[in-house]
Amino acid sequence: MHLIKCPWCGERAEMEFTYGGDGTLTRPADPEAASDAEWTDYVYFRDNPRGPHEELWQHASGCRRWIKVRRNTLTHEILATGPADRPLEGNAS
């Protein structure tokens, strides 16, 4: 079992969290002007990174807040966590 550090609740079991997707995606800046190709890229196409990657997770069985998690996709090690609306700092969770 992995532990994920919620910025508000502290370390909790991974089973309390729900994976929310890639934490590096940005929505088209002007949704009305975005082409179908831009929306298709944003909605459907994802990289499959190897190594450290930022992801969004929701503390579904706790405070229900969204957090950003930097996780090594090879080892599943949690490298850092923080609020979803802020950049992650450092390498420790």
PDB file of N, CA and C in Angstrom:
ATOM      1  N   MET A   1       0.840  -1.173   0.000  1.00  0.00           N
ATOM      2  CA  MET A   1       0.000   0.000   0.000  1.00  0.00           C
ATOM      3  C   MET A   1       0.889   1.242   0.000  1.00  0.00           C
ATOM      4  N   HIS A   2       0.513   2.202  -0.827  1.00  0.00           N
ATOM      5  CA  HIS A   2       1.231   3.462  -0.891  1.00  0.00           C
ATOM      6  C   HIS A   2       0.546   4.502  -0.005  1.00  0.00           C
ATOM      7  N   LEU A   3       1.341   5.421   0.506  1.00  0.00           N
ATOM      8  CA  LEU A   3       0.810   6.541   1.266  1.00  0.00           C
ATOM      9  C   LEU A   3       0.951   7.800   0.428  1.00  0.00           C
ATOM     10  N   ILE A   4      -0.116   8.596   0.393  1.00  0.00           N
ATOM     11  CA  ILE A   4      -0.102   9.872  -0.312  1.00  0.00           C
ATOM     12  C   ILE A   4      -0.349  10.958   0.727  1.00  0.00           C
ATOM     13  N   LYS A   5       0.490  11.993   0.691  1.00  0.00           N
ATOM     14  CA  LYS A   5       0.355  13.070   1.673  1.00  0.00           C
ATOM     15  C   LYS A   5      -0.605  14.133   1.143  1.00  0.00           C
ATOM     16  N   CYS A   6      -1.765  14.221   1.756  1.00  0.00           N
ATOM     17  CA  CYS A   6      -2.726  15.278   1.447  1.00  0.00           C
ATOM     18  C   CYS A   6      -2.239  16.547   2.145  1.00  0.00           C
ATOM     19  N   PRO A   7      -2.191  17.690   1.445  1.00  0.00           N
ATOM     20  CA  PRO A   7      -1.732  18.920   2.088  1.00  0.00           C
ATOM     21  C   PRO A   7      -2.594  19.346   3.276  1.00  0.00           C
ATOM     22  N   TRP A   8      -3.845  18.876   3.338  1.00  0.00           N
ATOM     23  CA  TRP A   8      -4.754  19.284   4.408  1.00  0.00           C
ATOM     24  C   TRP A   8      -4.933  18.196   5.475  1.00  0.00           C
ATOM     25  N   CYS A   9      -4.868  16.924   5.082  1.00  0.00           N
ATOM     26  CA  CYS A   9      -5.172  15.824   6.018  1.00  0.00           C
ATOM     27  C   CYS A   9      -3.947  15.021   6.441  1.00  0.00           C
ATOM     28  N   GLY A  10      -2.805  15.228   5.806  1.00  0.00           N
ATOM     29  CA  GLY A  10      -1.609  14.452   6.119  1.00  0.00           C
ATOM     30  C   GLY A  10      -1.556  13.164   5.319  1.00  0.00           C
ATOM     31  N   GLU A  11      -0.662  12.263   5.712  1.00  0.00           N
ATOM     32  CA  GLU A  11      -0.482  11.001   4.982  1.00  0.00           C
ATOM     33  C   GLU A  11      -1.699  10.109   5.141  1.00  0.00           C
ATOM     34  N   ARG A  12      -2.155   9.581   4.014  1.00  0.00           N
ATOM     35  CA  ARG A  12      -3.307   8.690   3.991  1.00  0.00           C
ATOM     36  C   ARG A  12      -3.042   7.565   3.003  1.00  0.00           C
ATOM     37  N   ALA A  13      -3.783   6.478   3.150  1.00  0.00           N
ATOM     38  CA  ALA A  13      -3.650   5.335   2.255  1.00  0.00           C
ATOM     39  C   ALA A  13      -4.108   5.709   0.839  1.00  0.00           C
ATOM     40  N   GLU A  14      -3.433   5.163  -0.148  1.00  0.00           N
ATOM     41  CA  GLU A  14      -3.753   5.440  -1.544  1.00  0.00           C
ATOM     42  C   GLU A  14      -5.223   5.163  -1.868  1.00  0.00           C
ATOM     43  N   MET A  15      -5.825   4.170  -1.188  1.00  0.00           N
ATOM     44  CA  MET A  15      -7.208   3.806  -1.481  1.00  0.00           C
ATOM     45  C   MET A  15      -8.206   4.915  -1.122  1.00  0.00           C
ATOM     46  N   GLU A  16      -7.786   5.950  -0.376  1.00  0.00           N
ATOM     47  CA  GLU A  16      -8.651   7.087  -0.078  1.00  0.00           C
ATOM     48  C   GLU A  16      -8.710   8.075  -1.242  1.00  0.00           C
ATOM     49  N   PHE A  17      -7.840   7.897  -2.239  1.00  0.00           N
ATOM     50  CA  PHE A  17      -7.713   8.846  -3.341  1.00  0.00           C
ATOM     51  C   PHE A  17      -8.222   8.249  -4.648  1.00  0.00           C
ATOM     52  N   THR A  18      -8.652   9.139  -5.528  1.00  0.00           N
ATOM     53  CA  THR A  18      -9.085   8.754  -6.869  1.00  0.00           C
ATOM     54  C   THR A  18      -8.202   9.473  -7.873  1.00  0.00           C
ATOM     55  N   TYR A  19      -7.667   8.717  -8.825  1.00  0.00           N
ATOM     56  CA  TYR A  19      -6.812   9.283  -9.864  1.00  0.00           C
ATOM     57  C   TYR A  19      -7.648  10.172 -10.770  1.00  0.00           C
ATOM     58  N   GLY A  20      -7.126  11.368 -11.068  1.00  0.00           N
ATOM     59  CA  GLY A  20      -7.873  12.325 -11.877  1.00  0.00           C
ATOM     60  C   GLY A  20      -7.250  12.659 -13.211  1.00  0.00           C
ATOM     61  N   GLY A  21      -6.087  12.101 -13.515  1.00  0.00           N
ATOM     62  CA  GLY A  21      -5.492  12.335 -14.830  1.00  0.00           C
ATOM     63  C   GLY A  21      -4.192  13.107 -14.783  1.00  0.00           C
ATOM     64  N   ASP A  22      -3.743  13.441 -15.977  1.00  0.00           N
ATOM     65  CA  ASP A  22      -2.491  14.141 -16.209  1.00  0.00           C
ATOM     66  C   ASP A  22      -2.550  15.536 -15.585  1.00  0.00           C
ATOM     67  N   GLY A  23      -1.583  15.852 -14.753  1.00  0.00           N
ATOM     68  CA  GLY A  23      -1.548  17.151 -14.083  1.00  0.00           C
ATOM     69  C   GLY A  23      -0.822  18.224 -14.864  1.00  0.00           C
ATOM     70  N   THR A  24      -0.389  17.908 -16.078  1.00  0.00           N
ATOM     71  CA  THR A  24       0.353  18.889 -16.872  1.00  0.00           C
ATOM     72  C   THR A  24      -0.469  19.458 -18.022  1.00  0.00           C
ATOM     73  N   LEU A  25      -1.678  18.967 -18.215  1.00  0.00           N
ATOM     74  CA  LEU A  25      -2.504  19.442 -19.321  1.00  0.00           C
ATOM     75  C   LEU A  25      -3.046  20.834 -19.055  1.00  0.00           C
ATOM     76  N   THR A  26      -3.139  21.629 -20.098  1.00  0.00           N
ATOM     77  CA  THR A  26      -3.768  22.944 -19.983  1.00  0.00           C
ATOM     78  C   THR A  26      -4.877  23.036 -21.028  1.00  0.00           C
ATOM     79  N   ARG A  27      -6.002  23.505 -20.576  1.00  0.00           N
ATOM     80  CA  ARG A  27      -7.172  23.682 -21.430  1.00  0.00           C
ATOM     81  C   ARG A  27      -6.872  24.775 -22.462  1.00  0.00           C
ATOM     82  N   PRO A  28      -7.435  24.691 -23.669  1.00  0.00           N
ATOM     83  CA  PRO A  28      -7.216  25.771 -24.640  1.00  0.00           C
ATOM     84  C   PRO A  28      -7.563  27.134 -24.032  1.00  0.00           C
ATOM     85  N   ALA A  29      -6.693  28.113 -24.252  1.00  0.00           N
ATOM     86  CA  ALA A  29      -6.843  29.435 -23.640  1.00  0.00           C
ATOM     87  C   ALA A  29      -8.153  30.116 -24.045  1.00  0.00           C
ATOM     88  N   ASP A  30      -8.533  29.990 -25.299  1.00  0.00           N
ATOM     89  CA  ASP A  30      -9.782  30.582 -25.788  1.00  0.00           C
ATOM     90  C   ASP A  30     -10.663  29.451 -26.312  1.00  0.00           C
ATOM     91  N   PRO A  31     -11.491  28.847 -25.449  1.00  0.00           N
ATOM     92  CA  PRO A  31     -12.289  27.684 -25.839  1.00  0.00           C
ATOM     93  C   PRO A  31     -13.151  27.906 -27.076  1.00  0.00           C
ATOM     94  N   GLU A  32     -13.695  29.098 -27.236  1.00  0.00           N
ATOM     95  CA  GLU A  32     -14.560  29.382 -28.391  1.00  0.00           C
ATOM     96  C   GLU A  32     -13.781  29.395 -29.703  1.00  0.00           C
ATOM     97  N   ALA A  33     -12.507  29.794 -29.643  1.00  0.00           N
ATOM     98  CA  ALA A  33     -11.692  29.905 -30.851  1.00  0.00           C
ATOM     99  C   ALA A  33     -10.887  28.638 -31.148  1.00  0.00           C
ATOM    100  N   ALA A  34     -10.863  27.691 -30.209  1.00  0.00           N
ATOM    101  CA  ALA A  34     -10.067  26.472 -30.406  1.00  0.00           C
ATOM    102  C   ALA A  34     -10.663  25.622 -31.525  1.00  0.00           C
ATOM    103  N   SER A  35      -9.791  25.059 -32.336  1.00  0.00           N
ATOM    104  CA  SER A  35     -10.231  24.213 -33.450  1.00  0.00           C
ATOM    105  C   SER A  35     -10.629  22.829 -32.935  1.00  0.00           C
ATOM    106  N   ASP A  36     -11.309  22.075 -33.775  1.00  0.00           N
ATOM    107  CA  ASP A  36     -11.662  20.704 -33.420  1.00  0.00           C
ATOM    108  C   ASP A  36     -10.402  19.879 -33.135  1.00  0.00           C
ATOM    109  N   ALA A  37      -9.344  20.125 -33.906  1.00  0.00           N
ATOM    110  CA  ALA A  37      -8.086  19.397 -33.704  1.00  0.00           C
ATOM    111  C   ALA A  37      -7.478  19.711 -32.337  1.00  0.00           C
ATOM    112  N   GLU A  38      -7.538  20.977 -31.919  1.00  0.00           N
ATOM    113  CA  GLU A  38      -7.015  21.356 -30.592  1.00  0.00           C
ATOM    114  C   GLU A  38      -7.824  20.691 -29.477  1.00  0.00           C
ATOM    115  N   TRP A  39      -9.149  20.663 -29.620  1.00  0.00           N
ATOM    116  CA  TRP A  39      -9.988  20.006 -28.610  1.00  0.00           C
ATOM    117  C   TRP A  39      -9.749  18.505 -28.599  1.00  0.00           C
ATOM    118  N   THR A  40      -9.584  17.916 -29.766  1.00  0.00           N
ATOM    119  CA  THR A  40      -9.312  16.473 -29.837  1.00  0.00           C
ATOM    120  C   THR A  40      -8.011  16.149 -29.123  1.00  0.00           C
ATOM    121  N   ASP A  41      -6.973  16.940 -29.374  1.00  0.00           N
ATOM    122  CA  ASP A  41      -5.689  16.736 -28.680  1.00  0.00           C
ATOM    123  C   ASP A  41      -5.856  16.861 -27.174  1.00  0.00           C
ATOM    124  N   TYR A  42      -6.577  17.887 -26.729  1.00  0.00           N
ATOM    125  CA  TYR A  42      -6.753  18.128 -25.291  1.00  0.00           C
ATOM    126  C   TYR A  42      -7.561  17.015 -24.612  1.00  0.00           C
ATOM    127  N   VAL A  43      -8.610  16.563 -25.242  1.00  0.00           N
ATOM    128  CA  VAL A  43      -9.520  15.594 -24.621  1.00  0.00           C
ATOM    129  C   VAL A  43      -9.024  14.155 -24.728  1.00  0.00           C
ATOM    130  N   TYR A  44      -8.467  13.776 -25.885  1.00  0.00           N
ATOM    131  CA  TYR A  44      -8.217  12.355 -26.133  1.00  0.00           C
ATOM    132  C   TYR A  44      -6.766  11.903 -26.103  1.00  0.00           C
ATOM    133  N   PHE A  45      -5.824  12.746 -26.453  1.00  0.00           N
ATOM    134  CA  PHE A  45      -4.455  12.281 -26.601  1.00  0.00           C
ATOM    135  C   PHE A  45      -3.629  12.546 -25.352  1.00  0.00           C
ATOM    136  N   ARG A  46      -2.975  11.500 -24.869  1.00  0.00           N
ATOM    137  CA  ARG A  46      -2.153  11.597 -23.669  1.00  0.00           C
ATOM    138  C   ARG A  46      -0.796  10.936 -23.921  1.00  0.00           C
ATOM    139  N   ASP A  47       0.222  11.497 -23.305  1.00  0.00           N
ATOM    140  CA  ASP A  47       1.532  10.855 -23.307  1.00  0.00           C
ATOM    141  C   ASP A  47       1.511   9.731 -22.283  1.00  0.00           C
ATOM    142  N   ASN A  48       2.398   8.786 -22.453  1.00  0.00           N
ATOM    143  CA  ASN A  48       2.559   7.712 -21.483  1.00  0.00           C
ATOM    144  C   ASN A  48       3.977   7.844 -20.930  1.00  0.00           C
ATOM    145  N   PRO A  49       4.177   8.781 -19.979  1.00  0.00           N
ATOM    146  CA  PRO A  49       5.530   9.106 -19.527  1.00  0.00           C
ATOM    147  C   PRO A  49       6.184   7.971 -18.743  1.00  0.00           C
ATOM    148  N   ARG A  50       7.478   7.965 -18.828  1.00  0.00           N
ATOM    149  CA  ARG A  50       8.287   7.004 -18.082  1.00  0.00           C
ATOM    150  C   ARG A  50       9.159   7.800 -17.122  1.00  0.00           C
ATOM    151  N   GLY A  51       8.923   7.603 -15.828  1.00  0.00           N
ATOM    152  CA  GLY A  51       9.676   8.354 -14.831  1.00  0.00           C
ATOM    153  C   GLY A  51       8.785   9.354 -14.122  1.00  0.00           C
ATOM    154  N   PRO A  52       9.367  10.408 -13.540  1.00  0.00           N
ATOM    155  CA  PRO A  52       8.584  11.385 -12.781  1.00  0.00           C
ATOM    156  C   PRO A  52       7.547  12.090 -13.658  1.00  0.00           C
ATOM    157  N   HIS A  53       6.337  12.189 -13.133  1.00  0.00           N
ATOM    158  CA  HIS A  53       5.227  12.794 -13.882  1.00  0.00           C
ATOM    159  C   HIS A  53       4.235  13.394 -12.895  1.00  0.00           C
ATOM    160  N   GLU A  54       3.643  14.532 -13.248  1.00  0.00           N
ATOM    161  CA  GLU A  54       2.664  15.170 -12.378  1.00  0.00           C
ATOM    162  C   GLU A  54       1.257  14.715 -12.740  1.00  0.00           C
ATOM    163  N   GLU A  55       0.503  14.351 -11.705  1.00  0.00           N
ATOM    164  CA  GLU A  55      -0.852  13.838 -11.873  1.00  0.00           C
ATOM    165  C   GLU A  55      -1.799  14.565 -10.920  1.00  0.00           C
ATOM    166  N   LEU A  56      -3.078  14.527 -11.234  1.00  0.00           N
ATOM    167  CA  LEU A  56      -4.099  15.056 -10.348  1.00  0.00           C
ATOM    168  C   LEU A  56      -4.790  13.897  -9.640  1.00  0.00           C
ATOM    169  N   TRP A  57      -4.998  14.042  -8.350  1.00  0.00           N
ATOM    170  CA  TRP A  57      -5.705  13.043  -7.549  1.00  0.00           C
ATOM    171  C   TRP A  57      -6.708  13.781  -6.665  1.00  0.00           C
ATOM    172  N   GLN A  58      -7.830  13.132  -6.377  1.00  0.00           N
ATOM    173  CA  GLN A  58      -8.807  13.707  -5.451  1.00  0.00           C
ATOM    174  C   GLN A  58      -8.828  12.886  -4.174  1.00  0.00           C
ATOM    175  N   HIS A  59      -8.794  13.562  -3.029  1.00  0.00           N
ATOM    176  CA  HIS A  59      -8.885  12.869  -1.741  1.00  0.00           C
ATOM    177  C   HIS A  59     -10.363  12.548  -1.503  1.00  0.00           C
ATOM    178  N   ALA A  60     -10.862  11.565  -2.223  1.00  0.00           N
ATOM    179  CA  ALA A  60     -12.287  11.236  -2.290  1.00  0.00           C
ATOM    180  C   ALA A  60     -12.864  10.776  -0.956  1.00  0.00           C
ATOM    181  N   SER A  61     -12.090  10.059  -0.162  1.00  0.00           N
ATOM    182  CA  SER A  61     -12.583   9.559   1.129  1.00  0.00           C
ATOM    183  C   SER A  61     -12.120  10.413   2.298  1.00  0.00           C
ATOM    184  N   GLY A  62     -11.680  11.616   1.986  1.00  0.00           N
ATOM    185  CA  GLY A  62     -11.212  12.528   3.032  1.00  0.00           C
ATOM    186  C   GLY A  62     -11.823  13.892   2.829  1.00  0.00           C
ATOM    187  N   CYS A  63     -10.976  14.882   2.606  1.00  0.00           N
ATOM    188  CA  CYS A  63     -11.434  16.268   2.493  1.00  0.00           C
ATOM    189  C   CYS A  63     -12.059  16.577   1.131  1.00  0.00           C
ATOM    190  N   ARG A  64     -11.960  15.637   0.176  1.00  0.00           N
ATOM    191  CA  ARG A  64     -12.522  15.740  -1.177  1.00  0.00           C
ATOM    192  C   ARG A  64     -11.835  16.806  -2.035  1.00  0.00           C
ATOM    193  N   ARG A  65     -10.708  17.315  -1.592  1.00  0.00           N
ATOM    194  CA  ARG A  65      -9.976  18.317  -2.370  1.00  0.00           C
ATOM    195  C   ARG A  65      -9.094  17.642  -3.413  1.00  0.00           C
ATOM    196  N   TRP A  66      -8.791  18.397  -4.461  1.00  0.00           N
ATOM    197  CA  TRP A  66      -7.883  17.927  -5.505  1.00  0.00           C
ATOM    198  C   TRP A  66      -6.456  18.292  -5.129  1.00  0.00           C
ATOM    199  N   ILE A  67      -5.540  17.358  -5.378  1.00  0.00           N
ATOM    200  CA  ILE A  67      -4.124  17.603  -5.126  1.00  0.00           C
ATOM    201  C   ILE A  67      -3.321  17.242  -6.368  1.00  0.00           C
ATOM    202  N   LYS A  68      -2.127  17.795  -6.452  1.00  0.00           N
ATOM    203  CA  LYS A  68      -1.189  17.447  -7.514  1.00  0.00           C
ATOM    204  C   LYS A  68      -0.159  16.510  -6.897  1.00  0.00           C
ATOM    205  N   VAL A  69       0.159  15.442  -7.606  1.00  0.00           N
ATOM    206  CA  VAL A  69       1.109  14.438  -7.121  1.00  0.00           C
ATOM    207  C   VAL A  69       2.183  14.244  -8.182  1.00  0.00           C
ATOM    208  N   ARG A  70       3.450  14.339  -7.787  1.00  0.00           N
ATOM    209  CA  ARG A  70       4.545  13.958  -8.682  1.00  0.00           C
ATOM    210  C   ARG A  70       4.902  12.523  -8.324  1.00  0.00           C
ATOM    211  N   ARG A  71       4.692  11.618  -9.304  1.00  0.00           N
ATOM    212  CA  ARG A  71       4.887  10.191  -9.067  1.00  0.00           C
ATOM    213  C   ARG A  71       5.804   9.630 -10.142  1.00  0.00           C
ATOM    214  N   ASN A  72       6.718   8.742  -9.739  1.00  0.00           N
ATOM    215  CA  ASN A  72       7.566   8.049 -10.690  1.00  0.00           C
ATOM    216  C   ASN A  72       6.756   6.890 -11.257  1.00  0.00           C
ATOM    217  N   THR A  73       6.466   6.932 -12.551  1.00  0.00           N
ATOM    218  CA  THR A  73       5.609   5.915 -13.156  1.00  0.00           C
ATOM    219  C   THR A  73       6.303   4.554 -13.283  1.00  0.00           C
ATOM    220  N   LEU A  74       7.612   4.512 -13.118  1.00  0.00           N
ATOM    221  CA  LEU A  74       8.327   3.226 -13.154  1.00  0.00           C
ATOM    222  C   LEU A  74       8.289   2.523 -11.806  1.00  0.00           C
ATOM    223  N   THR A  75       8.476   3.292 -10.731  1.00  0.00           N
ATOM    224  CA  THR A  75       8.574   2.700  -9.400  1.00  0.00           C
ATOM    225  C   THR A  75       7.328   2.947  -8.541  1.00  0.00           C
ATOM    226  N   HIS A  76       6.450   3.832  -9.001  1.00  0.00           N
ATOM    227  CA  HIS A  76       5.248   4.265  -8.277  1.00  0.00           C
ATOM    228  C   HIS A  76       5.574   5.074  -7.019  1.00  0.00           C
ATOM    229  N   GLU A  77       6.826   5.464  -6.866  1.00  0.00           N
ATOM    230  CA  GLU A  77       7.222   6.276  -5.713  1.00  0.00           C
ATOM    231  C   GLU A  77       6.594   7.665  -5.812  1.00  0.00           C
ATOM    232  N   ILE A  78       6.021   8.135  -4.703  1.00  0.00           N
ATOM    233  CA  ILE A  78       5.466   9.483  -4.617  1.00  0.00           C
ATOM    234  C   ILE A  78       6.610  10.423  -4.279  1.00  0.00           C
ATOM    235  N   LEU A  79       6.894  11.383  -5.172  1.00  0.00           N
ATOM    236  CA  LEU A  79       8.029  12.283  -4.996  1.00  0.00           C
ATOM    237  C   LEU A  79       7.640  13.613  -4.352  1.00  0.00           C
ATOM    238  N   ALA A  80       6.422  14.084  -4.603  1.00  0.00           N
ATOM    239  CA  ALA A  80       5.969  15.356  -4.037  1.00  0.00           C
ATOM    240  C   ALA A  80       4.451  15.443  -4.154  1.00  0.00           C
ATOM    241  N   THR A  81       3.844  16.203  -3.263  1.00  0.00           N
ATOM    242  CA  THR A  81       2.405  16.463  -3.328  1.00  0.00           C
ATOM    243  C   THR A  81       2.157  17.920  -2.944  1.00  0.00           C
ATOM    244  N   GLY A  82       1.029  18.440  -3.377  1.00  0.00           N
ATOM    245  CA  GLY A  82       0.655  19.802  -3.018  1.00  0.00           C
ATOM    246  C   GLY A  82      -0.720  20.132  -3.560  1.00  0.00           C
ATOM    247  N   PRO A  83      -1.226  21.314  -3.250  1.00  0.00           N
ATOM    248  CA  PRO A  83      -2.521  21.730  -3.772  1.00  0.00           C
ATOM    249  C   PRO A  83      -2.519  21.725  -5.305  1.00  0.00           C
ATOM    250  N   ALA A  84      -3.627  21.371  -5.907  1.00  0.00           N
ATOM    251  CA  ALA A  84      -3.713  21.240  -7.362  1.00  0.00           C
ATOM    252  C   ALA A  84      -3.493  22.550  -8.088  1.00  0.00           C
ATOM    253  N   ASP A  85      -3.774  23.666  -7.449  1.00  0.00           N
ATOM    254  CA  ASP A  85      -3.676  24.958  -8.119  1.00  0.00           C
ATOM    255  C   ASP A  85      -2.310  25.637  -7.969  1.00  0.00           C
ATOM    256  N   ARG A  86      -1.330  24.898  -7.437  1.00  0.00           N
ATOM    257  CA  ARG A  86       0.011  25.479  -7.253  1.00  0.00           C
ATOM    258  C   ARG A  86       1.064  24.544  -7.835  1.00  0.00           C
ATOM    259  N   PRO A  87       2.193  25.102  -8.274  1.00  0.00           N
ATOM    260  CA  PRO A  87       3.298  24.253  -8.758  1.00  0.00           C
ATOM    261  C   PRO A  87       3.872  23.429  -7.601  1.00  0.00           C
ATOM    262  N   LEU A  88       4.317  22.225  -7.908  1.00  0.00           N
ATOM    263  CA  LEU A  88       4.952  21.383  -6.889  1.00  0.00           C
ATOM    264  C   LEU A  88       6.392  21.829  -6.693  1.00  0.00           C
ATOM    265  N   GLU A  89       6.867  21.749  -5.452  1.00  0.00           N
ATOM    266  CA  GLU A  89       8.238  22.086  -5.127  1.00  0.00           C
ATOM    267  C   GLU A  89       8.957  20.870  -4.590  1.00  0.00           C
ATOM    268  N   GLY A  90      10.255  20.820  -4.763  1.00  0.00           N
ATOM    269  CA  GLY A  90      11.086  19.785  -4.151  1.00  0.00           C
ATOM    270  C   GLY A  90      10.786  18.383  -4.630  1.00  0.00           C
ATOM    271  N   ASN A  91      11.401  17.416  -3.940  1.00  0.00           N
ATOM    272  CA  ASN A  91      11.244  16.017  -4.301  1.00  0.00           C
ATOM    273  C   ASN A  91      10.625  15.173  -3.211  1.00  0.00           C
ATOM    274  N   ALA A  92      10.331  15.741  -2.056  1.00  0.00           N
ATOM    275  CA  ALA A  92       9.770  14.954  -0.963  1.00  0.00           C
ATOM    276  C   ALA A  92       8.281  15.232  -0.851  1.00  0.00           C
ATOM    277  N   SER A  93       7.519  14.209  -0.448  1.00  0.00           N
ATOM    278  CA  SER A  93       6.064  14.398  -0.339  1.00  0.00           C
ATOM    279  C   SER A  93       5.643  15.024   0.946  1.00  0.00           C
TER     280      SER A  93
END
